[in-house]
Amino acid sequence: MVKLAPAPEITPPEITVRLAADPAFAAAWAGSAASLRRDLSGFVAEAKKSETRERRADQVVEQVQLKLQAAADAAAAEAAEPSGAAAAL
């Protein structure tokens, strides 16, 4: 059986512009799974009207930022929890 190489990742121009403008979004985008980036890119690229692609790109940025904030909040909550030994006292 021959293994095929994964399809190349194609980022729509609407997302590329936002990546260049927002370093936090760019870092979160780079740190996300390739499958998520592919799905979100497809969501933007499949729209026929440029207005729809722009709106969807804004939604992608918002969703990635929400996930980034949720991860930061979870990390802060975990750091604030007392460890098992200190909690026993």
PDB file of N, CA and C in Angstrom:
ATOM      1  N   MET A   1       0.842  -1.174   0.000  1.00  0.00           N
ATOM      2  CA  MET A   1       0.000   0.000   0.000  1.00  0.00           C
ATOM      3  C   MET A   1       0.889   1.240   0.000  1.00  0.00           C
ATOM      4  N   VAL A   2       0.565   2.174  -0.852  1.00  0.00           N
ATOM      5  CA  VAL A   2       1.328   3.405  -0.980  1.00  0.00           C
ATOM      6  C   VAL A   2       0.693   4.476  -0.097  1.00  0.00           C
ATOM      7  N   LYS A   3       1.528   5.121   0.704  1.00  0.00           N
ATOM      8  CA  LYS A   3       1.045   6.216   1.539  1.00  0.00           C
ATOM      9  C   LYS A   3       1.144   7.514   0.760  1.00  0.00           C
ATOM     10  N   LEU A   4       0.052   8.234   0.719  1.00  0.00           N
ATOM     11  CA  LEU A   4       0.047   9.513   0.031  1.00  0.00           C
ATOM     12  C   LEU A   4       0.464  10.625   0.981  1.00  0.00           C
ATOM     13  N   ALA A   5       1.111  11.619   0.422  1.00  0.00           N
ATOM     14  CA  ALA A   5       1.491  12.783   1.219  1.00  0.00           C
ATOM     15  C   ALA A   5       0.233  13.589   1.527  1.00  0.00           C
ATOM     16  N   PRO A   6       0.213  14.243   2.679  1.00  0.00           N
ATOM     17  CA  PRO A   6      -0.959  15.061   2.990  1.00  0.00           C
ATOM     18  C   PRO A   6      -1.093  16.202   1.990  1.00  0.00           C
ATOM     19  N   ALA A   7      -2.315  16.628   1.799  1.00  0.00           N
ATOM     20  CA  ALA A   7      -2.567  17.744   0.889  1.00  0.00           C
ATOM     21  C   ALA A   7      -1.891  19.002   1.427  1.00  0.00           C
ATOM     22  N   PRO A   8      -1.346  19.820   0.534  1.00  0.00           N
ATOM     23  CA  PRO A   8      -0.702  21.041   1.021  1.00  0.00           C
ATOM     24  C   PRO A   8      -1.725  21.971   1.664  1.00  0.00           C
ATOM     25  N   GLU A   9      -1.288  22.656   2.676  1.00  0.00           N
ATOM     26  CA  GLU A   9      -2.171  23.575   3.375  1.00  0.00           C
ATOM     27  C   GLU A   9      -2.248  24.884   2.600  1.00  0.00           C
ATOM     28  N   ILE A  10      -3.448  25.288   2.262  1.00  0.00           N
ATOM     29  CA  ILE A  10      -3.657  26.529   1.521  1.00  0.00           C
ATOM     30  C   ILE A  10      -4.449  27.473   2.411  1.00  0.00           C
ATOM     31  N   THR A  11      -3.849  28.599   2.742  1.00  0.00           N
ATOM     32  CA  THR A  11      -4.499  29.588   3.591  1.00  0.00           C
ATOM     33  C   THR A  11      -5.088  30.675   2.704  1.00  0.00           C
ATOM     34  N   PRO A  12      -6.382  30.928   2.837  1.00  0.00           N
ATOM     35  CA  PRO A  12      -7.010  31.964   2.011  1.00  0.00           C
ATOM     36  C   PRO A  12      -6.403  33.341   2.283  1.00  0.00           C
ATOM     37  N   PRO A  13      -6.404  34.201   1.280  1.00  0.00           N
ATOM     38  CA  PRO A  13      -5.830  35.542   1.469  1.00  0.00           C
ATOM     39  C   PRO A  13      -6.493  36.326   2.604  1.00  0.00           C
ATOM     40  N   GLU A  14      -7.771  36.095   2.832  1.00  0.00           N
ATOM     41  CA  GLU A  14      -8.476  36.803   3.901  1.00  0.00           C
ATOM     42  C   GLU A  14      -7.887  36.463   5.276  1.00  0.00           C
ATOM     43  N   ILE A  15      -7.456  35.248   5.442  1.00  0.00           N
ATOM     44  CA  ILE A  15      -6.830  34.851   6.712  1.00  0.00           C
ATOM     45  C   ILE A  15      -5.373  35.308   6.742  1.00  0.00           C
ATOM     46  N   THR A  16      -4.689  35.231   5.609  1.00  0.00           N
ATOM     47  CA  THR A  16      -3.288  35.654   5.538  1.00  0.00           C
ATOM     48  C   THR A  16      -3.134  37.116   5.951  1.00  0.00           C
ATOM     49  N   VAL A  17      -4.051  37.963   5.520  1.00  0.00           N
ATOM     50  CA  VAL A  17      -4.020  39.378   5.895  1.00  0.00           C
ATOM     51  C   VAL A  17      -4.151  39.530   7.406  1.00  0.00           C
ATOM     52  N   ARG A  18      -5.045  38.768   7.993  1.00  0.00           N
ATOM     53  CA  ARG A  18      -5.253  38.861   9.438  1.00  0.00           C
ATOM     54  C   ARG A  18      -4.076  38.284  10.220  1.00  0.00           C
ATOM     55  N   LEU A  19      -3.425  37.281   9.668  1.00  0.00           N
ATOM     56  CA  LEU A  19      -2.233  36.726  10.311  1.00  0.00           C
ATOM     57  C   LEU A  19      -1.115  37.761  10.368  1.00  0.00           C
ATOM     58  N   ALA A  20      -0.958  38.529   9.291  1.00  0.00           N
ATOM     59  CA  ALA A  20       0.086  39.552   9.248  1.00  0.00           C
ATOM     60  C   ALA A  20      -0.228  40.716  10.183  1.00  0.00           C
ATOM     61  N   ALA A  21      -1.501  40.990  10.393  1.00  0.00           N
ATOM     62  CA  ALA A  21      -1.899  42.144  11.200  1.00  0.00           C
ATOM     63  C   ALA A  21      -1.965  41.855  12.699  1.00  0.00           C
ATOM     64  N   ASP A  22      -2.099  40.597  13.081  1.00  0.00           N
ATOM     65  CA  ASP A  22      -2.331  40.246  14.489  1.00  0.00           C
ATOM     66  C   ASP A  22      -1.369  39.148  14.933  1.00  0.00           C
ATOM     67  N   PRO A  23      -0.278  39.520  15.620  1.00  0.00           N
ATOM     68  CA  PRO A  23       0.705  38.517  16.050  1.00  0.00           C
ATOM     69  C   PRO A  23       0.133  37.451  16.992  1.00  0.00           C
ATOM     70  N   ALA A  24      -0.807  37.833  17.849  1.00  0.00           N
ATOM     71  CA  ALA A  24      -1.403  36.849  18.767  1.00  0.00           C
ATOM     72  C   ALA A  24      -2.209  35.815  17.983  1.00  0.00           C
ATOM     73  N   PHE A  25      -2.957  36.280  16.998  1.00  0.00           N
ATOM     74  CA  PHE A  25      -3.712  35.361  16.147  1.00  0.00           C
ATOM     75  C   PHE A  25      -2.755  34.476  15.359  1.00  0.00           C
ATOM     76  N   ALA A  26      -1.669  35.054  14.849  1.00  0.00           N
ATOM     77  CA  ALA A  26      -0.691  34.277  14.082  1.00  0.00           C
ATOM     78  C   ALA A  26      -0.069  33.177  14.939  1.00  0.00           C
ATOM     79  N   ALA A  27       0.237  33.492  16.191  1.00  0.00           N
ATOM     80  CA  ALA A  27       0.821  32.493  17.085  1.00  0.00           C
ATOM     81  C   ALA A  27      -0.185  31.385  17.387  1.00  0.00           C
ATOM     82  N   ALA A  28      -1.425  31.766  17.646  1.00  0.00           N
ATOM     83  CA  ALA A  28      -2.459  30.770  17.930  1.00  0.00           C
ATOM     84  C   ALA A  28      -2.729  29.910  16.699  1.00  0.00           C
ATOM     85  N   TRP A  29      -2.736  30.515  15.527  1.00  0.00           N
ATOM     86  CA  TRP A  29      -2.960  29.794  14.268  1.00  0.00           C
ATOM     87  C   TRP A  29      -1.834  28.783  14.046  1.00  0.00           C
ATOM     88  N   ALA A  30      -0.605  29.216  14.245  1.00  0.00           N
ATOM     89  CA  ALA A  30       0.545  28.330  14.039  1.00  0.00           C
ATOM     90  C   ALA A  30       0.549  27.187  15.043  1.00  0.00           C
ATOM     91  N   GLY A  31       0.043  27.434  16.242  1.00  0.00           N
ATOM     92  CA  GLY A  31       0.030  26.414  17.278  1.00  0.00           C
ATOM     93  C   GLY A  31      -1.153  25.461  17.210  1.00  0.00           C
ATOM     94  N   SER A  32      -2.094  25.738  16.336  1.00  0.00           N
ATOM     95  CA  SER A  32      -3.266  24.863  16.238  1.00  0.00           C
ATOM     96  C   SER A  32      -2.982  23.678  15.318  1.00  0.00           C
ATOM     97  N   ALA A  33      -3.806  22.676  15.414  1.00  0.00           N
ATOM     98  CA  ALA A  33      -3.637  21.460  14.616  1.00  0.00           C
ATOM     99  C   ALA A  33      -3.845  21.766  13.128  1.00  0.00           C
ATOM    100  N   ALA A  34      -3.104  21.053  12.301  1.00  0.00           N
ATOM    101  CA  ALA A  34      -3.212  21.249  10.850  1.00  0.00           C
ATOM    102  C   ALA A  34      -4.633  20.969  10.368  1.00  0.00           C
ATOM    103  N   SER A  35      -5.295  19.993  10.966  1.00  0.00           N
ATOM    104  CA  SER A  35      -6.663  19.676  10.553  1.00  0.00           C
ATOM    105  C   SER A  35      -7.611  20.830  10.866  1.00  0.00           C
ATOM    106  N   LEU A  36      -7.413  21.506  11.998  1.00  0.00           N
ATOM    107  CA  LEU A  36      -8.244  22.655  12.337  1.00  0.00           C
ATOM    108  C   LEU A  36      -7.988  23.798  11.367  1.00  0.00           C
ATOM    109  N   ARG A  37      -6.706  24.062  11.085  1.00  0.00           N
ATOM    110  CA  ARG A  37      -6.380  25.127  10.128  1.00  0.00           C
ATOM    111  C   ARG A  37      -6.987  24.829   8.760  1.00  0.00           C
ATOM    112  N   ARG A  38      -6.931  23.576   8.346  1.00  0.00           N
ATOM    113  CA  ARG A  38      -7.498  23.182   7.051  1.00  0.00           C
ATOM    114  C   ARG A  38      -9.012  23.378   7.040  1.00  0.00           C
ATOM    115  N   ASP A  39      -9.687  22.976   8.113  1.00  0.00           N
ATOM    116  CA  ASP A  39     -11.139  23.132   8.195  1.00  0.00           C
ATOM    117  C   ASP A  39     -11.544  24.607   8.197  1.00  0.00           C
ATOM    118  N   LEU A  40     -10.852  25.412   8.985  1.00  0.00           N
ATOM    119  CA  LEU A  40     -11.185  26.831   9.050  1.00  0.00           C
ATOM    120  C   LEU A  40     -10.871  27.534   7.734  1.00  0.00           C
ATOM    121  N   SER A  41      -9.777  27.162   7.095  1.00  0.00           N
ATOM    122  CA  SER A  41      -9.441  27.739   5.785  1.00  0.00           C
ATOM    123  C   SER A  41     -10.505  27.383   4.758  1.00  0.00           C
ATOM    124  N   GLY A  42     -10.961  26.149   4.781  1.00  0.00           N
ATOM    125  CA  GLY A  42     -12.008  25.722   3.862  1.00  0.00           C
ATOM    126  C   GLY A  42     -13.308  26.461   4.112  1.00  0.00           C
ATOM    127  N   PHE A  43     -13.628  26.702   5.385  1.00  0.00           N
ATOM    128  CA  PHE A  43     -14.833  27.438   5.751  1.00  0.00           C
ATOM    129  C   PHE A  43     -14.815  28.829   5.114  1.00  0.00           C
ATOM    130  N   VAL A  44     -13.659  29.482   5.142  1.00  0.00           N
ATOM    131  CA  VAL A  44     -13.548  30.818   4.556  1.00  0.00           C
ATOM    132  C   VAL A  44     -13.539  30.732   3.029  1.00  0.00           C
ATOM    133  N   ALA A  45     -12.738  29.835   2.481  1.00  0.00           N
ATOM    134  CA  ALA A  45     -12.528  29.786   1.033  1.00  0.00           C
ATOM    135  C   ALA A  45     -13.758  29.327   0.250  1.00  0.00           C
ATOM    136  N   GLU A  46     -14.640  28.556   0.866  1.00  0.00           N
ATOM    137  CA  GLU A  46     -15.776  28.025   0.115  1.00  0.00           C
ATOM    138  C   GLU A  46     -16.863  29.063  -0.152  1.00  0.00           C
ATOM    139  N   ALA A  47     -16.792  30.214   0.504  1.00  0.00           N
ATOM    140  CA  ALA A  47     -17.780  31.273   0.266  1.00  0.00           C
ATOM    141  C   ALA A  47     -17.556  31.881  -1.112  1.00  0.00           C
ATOM    142  N   LYS A  48     -18.638  32.180  -1.800  1.00  0.00           N
ATOM    143  CA  LYS A  48     -18.536  32.708  -3.159  1.00  0.00           C
ATOM    144  C   LYS A  48     -18.326  34.219  -3.187  1.00  0.00           C
ATOM    145  N   LYS A  49     -18.971  34.937  -2.290  1.00  0.00           N
ATOM    146  CA  LYS A  49     -18.851  36.391  -2.279  1.00  0.00           C
ATOM    147  C   LYS A  49     -17.690  36.825  -1.390  1.00  0.00           C
ATOM    148  N   SER A  50     -17.005  37.865  -1.817  1.00  0.00           N
ATOM    149  CA  SER A  50     -15.881  38.356  -1.028  1.00  0.00           C
ATOM    150  C   SER A  50     -16.337  38.874   0.336  1.00  0.00           C
ATOM    151  N   GLU A  51     -17.542  39.453   0.383  1.00  0.00           N
ATOM    152  CA  GLU A  51     -18.065  39.941   1.665  1.00  0.00           C
ATOM    153  C   GLU A  51     -18.249  38.779   2.648  1.00  0.00           C
ATOM    154  N   THR A  52     -18.714  37.666   2.145  1.00  0.00           N
ATOM    155  CA  THR A  52     -18.916  36.492   2.996  1.00  0.00           C
ATOM    156  C   THR A  52     -17.577  35.941   3.456  1.00  0.00           C
ATOM    157  N   ARG A  53     -16.596  35.892   2.554  1.00  0.00           N
ATOM    158  CA  ARG A  53     -15.261  35.418   2.949  1.00  0.00           C
ATOM    159  C   ARG A  53     -14.652  36.315   4.017  1.00  0.00           C
ATOM    160  N   GLU A  54     -14.839  37.636   3.884  1.00  0.00           N
ATOM    161  CA  GLU A  54     -14.322  38.573   4.887  1.00  0.00           C
ATOM    162  C   GLU A  54     -15.009  38.353   6.237  1.00  0.00           C
ATOM    163  N   ARG A  55     -16.321  38.209   6.212  1.00  0.00           N
ATOM    164  CA  ARG A  55     -17.076  37.989   7.457  1.00  0.00           C
ATOM    165  C   ARG A  55     -16.650  36.679   8.117  1.00  0.00           C
ATOM    166  N   ARG A  56     -16.491  35.648   7.303  1.00  0.00           N
ATOM    167  CA  ARG A  56     -16.069  34.357   7.855  1.00  0.00           C
ATOM    168  C   ARG A  56     -14.654  34.421   8.409  1.00  0.00           C
ATOM    169  N   ALA A  57     -13.770  35.162   7.752  1.00  0.00           N
ATOM    170  CA  ALA A  57     -12.406  35.313   8.269  1.00  0.00           C
ATOM    171  C   ALA A  57     -12.432  36.004   9.626  1.00  0.00           C
ATOM    172  N   ASP A  58     -13.296  37.012   9.771  1.00  0.00           N
ATOM    173  CA  ASP A  58     -13.443  37.671  11.074  1.00  0.00           C
ATOM    174  C   ASP A  58     -13.948  36.682  12.127  1.00  0.00           C
ATOM    175  N   GLN A  59     -14.872  35.811  11.735  1.00  0.00           N
ATOM    176  CA  GLN A  59     -15.387  34.804  12.666  1.00  0.00           C
ATOM    177  C   GLN A  59     -14.295  33.822  13.067  1.00  0.00           C
ATOM    178  N   VAL A  60     -13.437  33.455  12.132  1.00  0.00           N
ATOM    179  CA  VAL A  60     -12.327  32.540  12.429  1.00  0.00           C
ATOM    180  C   VAL A  60     -11.383  33.177  13.444  1.00  0.00           C
ATOM    181  N   VAL A  61     -11.037  34.438  13.226  1.00  0.00           N
ATOM    182  CA  VAL A  61     -10.151  35.138  14.165  1.00  0.00           C
ATOM    183  C   VAL A  61     -10.784  35.149  15.552  1.00  0.00           C
ATOM    184  N   GLU A  62     -12.070  35.471  15.613  1.00  0.00           N
ATOM    185  CA  GLU A  62     -12.768  35.520  16.897  1.00  0.00           C
ATOM    186  C   GLU A  62     -12.757  34.153  17.587  1.00  0.00           C
ATOM    187  N   GLN A  63     -13.034  33.095  16.848  1.00  0.00           N
ATOM    188  CA  GLN A  63     -13.071  31.750  17.435  1.00  0.00           C
ATOM    189  C   GLN A  63     -11.697  31.314  17.936  1.00  0.00           C
ATOM    190  N   VAL A  64     -10.658  31.601  17.165  1.00  0.00           N
ATOM    191  CA  VAL A  64      -9.299  31.222  17.578  1.00  0.00           C
ATOM    192  C   VAL A  64      -8.909  32.016  18.825  1.00  0.00           C
ATOM    193  N   GLN A  65      -9.265  33.298  18.873  1.00  0.00           N
ATOM    194  CA  GLN A  65      -8.954  34.098  20.052  1.00  0.00           C
ATOM    195  C   GLN A  65      -9.716  33.604  21.285  1.00  0.00           C
ATOM    196  N   LEU A  66     -10.969  33.186  21.099  1.00  0.00           N
ATOM    197  CA  LEU A  66     -11.733  32.635  22.223  1.00  0.00           C
ATOM    198  C   LEU A  66     -11.096  31.356  22.746  1.00  0.00           C
ATOM    199  N   LYS A  67     -10.645  30.492  21.838  1.00  0.00           N
ATOM    200  CA  LYS A  67      -9.982  29.251  22.258  1.00  0.00           C
ATOM    201  C   LYS A  67      -8.674  29.563  22.985  1.00  0.00           C
ATOM    202  N   LEU A  68      -7.940  30.547  22.493  1.00  0.00           N
ATOM    203  CA  LEU A  68      -6.692  30.950  23.130  1.00  0.00           C
ATOM    204  C   LEU A  68      -6.962  31.493  24.530  1.00  0.00           C
ATOM    205  N   GLN A  69      -8.002  32.322  24.677  1.00  0.00           N
ATOM    206  CA  GLN A  69      -8.357  32.870  25.980  1.00  0.00           C
ATOM    207  C   GLN A  69      -8.810  31.771  26.933  1.00  0.00           C
ATOM    208  N   ALA A  70      -9.582  30.822  26.432  1.00  0.00           N
ATOM    209  CA  ALA A  70     -10.045  29.718  27.276  1.00  0.00           C
ATOM    210  C   ALA A  70      -8.863  28.883  27.765  1.00  0.00           C
ATOM    211  N   ALA A  71      -7.892  28.659  26.910  1.00  0.00           N
ATOM    212  CA  ALA A  71      -6.707  27.901  27.307  1.00  0.00           C
ATOM    213  C   ALA A  71      -5.902  28.661  28.355  1.00  0.00           C
ATOM    214  N   ALA A  72      -5.789  29.977  28.189  1.00  0.00           N
ATOM    215  CA  ALA A  72      -5.067  30.796  29.164  1.00  0.00           C
ATOM    216  C   ALA A  72      -5.802  30.804  30.501  1.00  0.00           C
ATOM    217  N   ASP A  73      -7.131  30.898  30.460  1.00  0.00           N
ATOM    218  CA  ASP A  73      -7.918  30.875  31.695  1.00  0.00           C
ATOM    219  C   ASP A  73      -7.777  29.537  32.419  1.00  0.00           C
ATOM    220  N   ALA A  74      -7.778  28.446  31.671  1.00  0.00           N
ATOM    221  CA  ALA A  74      -7.630  27.116  32.269  1.00  0.00           C
ATOM    222  C   ALA A  74      -6.249  26.961  32.903  1.00  0.00           C
ATOM    223  N   ALA A  75      -5.230  27.475  32.233  1.00  0.00           N
ATOM    224  CA  ALA A  75      -3.872  27.392  32.782  1.00  0.00           C
ATOM    225  C   ALA A  75      -3.756  28.226  34.057  1.00  0.00           C
ATOM    226  N   ALA A  76      -4.375  29.397  34.065  1.00  0.00           N
ATOM    227  CA  ALA A  76      -4.332  30.249  35.254  1.00  0.00           C
ATOM    228  C   ALA A  76      -5.085  29.600  36.412  1.00  0.00           C
ATOM    229  N   ALA A  77      -6.216  28.976  36.120  1.00  0.00           N
ATOM    230  CA  ALA A  77      -6.986  28.309  37.169  1.00  0.00           C
ATOM    231  C   ALA A  77      -6.217  27.123  37.739  1.00  0.00           C
ATOM    232  N   GLU A  78      -5.536  26.404  36.878  1.00  0.00           N
ATOM    233  CA  GLU A  78      -4.748  25.256  37.336  1.00  0.00           C
ATOM    234  C   GLU A  78      -3.581  25.717  38.190  1.00  0.00           C
ATOM    235  N   ALA A  79      -2.955  26.821  37.815  1.00  0.00           N
ATOM    236  CA  ALA A  79      -1.830  27.344  38.584  1.00  0.00           C
ATOM    237  C   ALA A  79      -2.288  27.876  39.943  1.00  0.00           C
ATOM    238  N   ALA A  80      -3.524  28.364  40.014  1.00  0.00           N
ATOM    239  CA  ALA A  80      -4.040  28.929  41.251  1.00  0.00           C
ATOM    240  C   ALA A  80      -4.512  27.844  42.235  1.00  0.00           C
ATOM    241  N   GLU A  81      -4.779  26.641  41.738  1.00  0.00           N
ATOM    242  CA  GLU A  81      -5.225  25.562  42.611  1.00  0.00           C
ATOM    243  C   GLU A  81      -4.090  25.112  43.516  1.00  0.00           C
ATOM    244  N   PRO A  82      -4.398  24.898  44.770  1.00  0.00           N
ATOM    245  CA  PRO A  82      -3.347  24.390  45.666  1.00  0.00           C
ATOM    246  C   PRO A  82      -2.993  22.944  45.294  1.00  0.00           C
ATOM    247  N   SER A  83      -1.746  22.617  45.501  1.00  0.00           N
ATOM    248  CA  SER A  83      -1.323  21.244  45.191  1.00  0.00           C
ATOM    249  C   SER A  83      -1.949  20.276  46.195  1.00  0.00           C
ATOM    250  N   GLY A  84      -1.892  18.995  45.898  1.00  0.00           N
ATOM    251  CA  GLY A  84      -2.502  17.976  46.752  1.00  0.00           C
ATOM    252  C   GLY A  84      -1.968  17.990  48.172  1.00  0.00           C
ATOM    253  N   ALA A  85      -0.650  18.180  48.349  1.00  0.00           N
ATOM    254  CA  ALA A  85      -0.060  18.164  49.676  1.00  0.00           C
ATOM    255  C   ALA A  85      -0.490  19.379  50.479  1.00  0.00           C
ATOM    256  N   ALA A  86      -0.531  20.550  49.841  1.00  0.00           N
ATOM    257  CA  ALA A  86      -0.920  21.770  50.568  1.00  0.00           C
ATOM    258  C   ALA A  86      -2.405  21.750  50.869  1.00  0.00           C
ATOM    259  N   ALA A  87      -3.192  21.150  50.020  1.00  0.00           N
ATOM    260  CA  ALA A  87      -4.635  21.120  50.251  1.00  0.00           C
ATOM    261  C   ALA A  87      -4.990  20.236  51.444  1.00  0.00           C
ATOM    262  N   ALA A  88      -4.169  19.244  51.737  1.00  0.00           N
ATOM    263  CA  ALA A  88      -4.442  18.330  52.844  1.00  0.00           C
ATOM    264  C   ALA A  88      -4.246  19.002  54.183  1.00  0.00           C
ATOM    265  N   LEU A  89      -3.470  20.078  54.228  1.00  0.00           N
ATOM    266  CA  LEU A  89      -3.225  20.779  55.502  1.00  0.00           C
ATOM    267  C   LEU A  89      -4.373  21.604  55.837  1.00  0.00           C
TER     268      LEU A  89
END
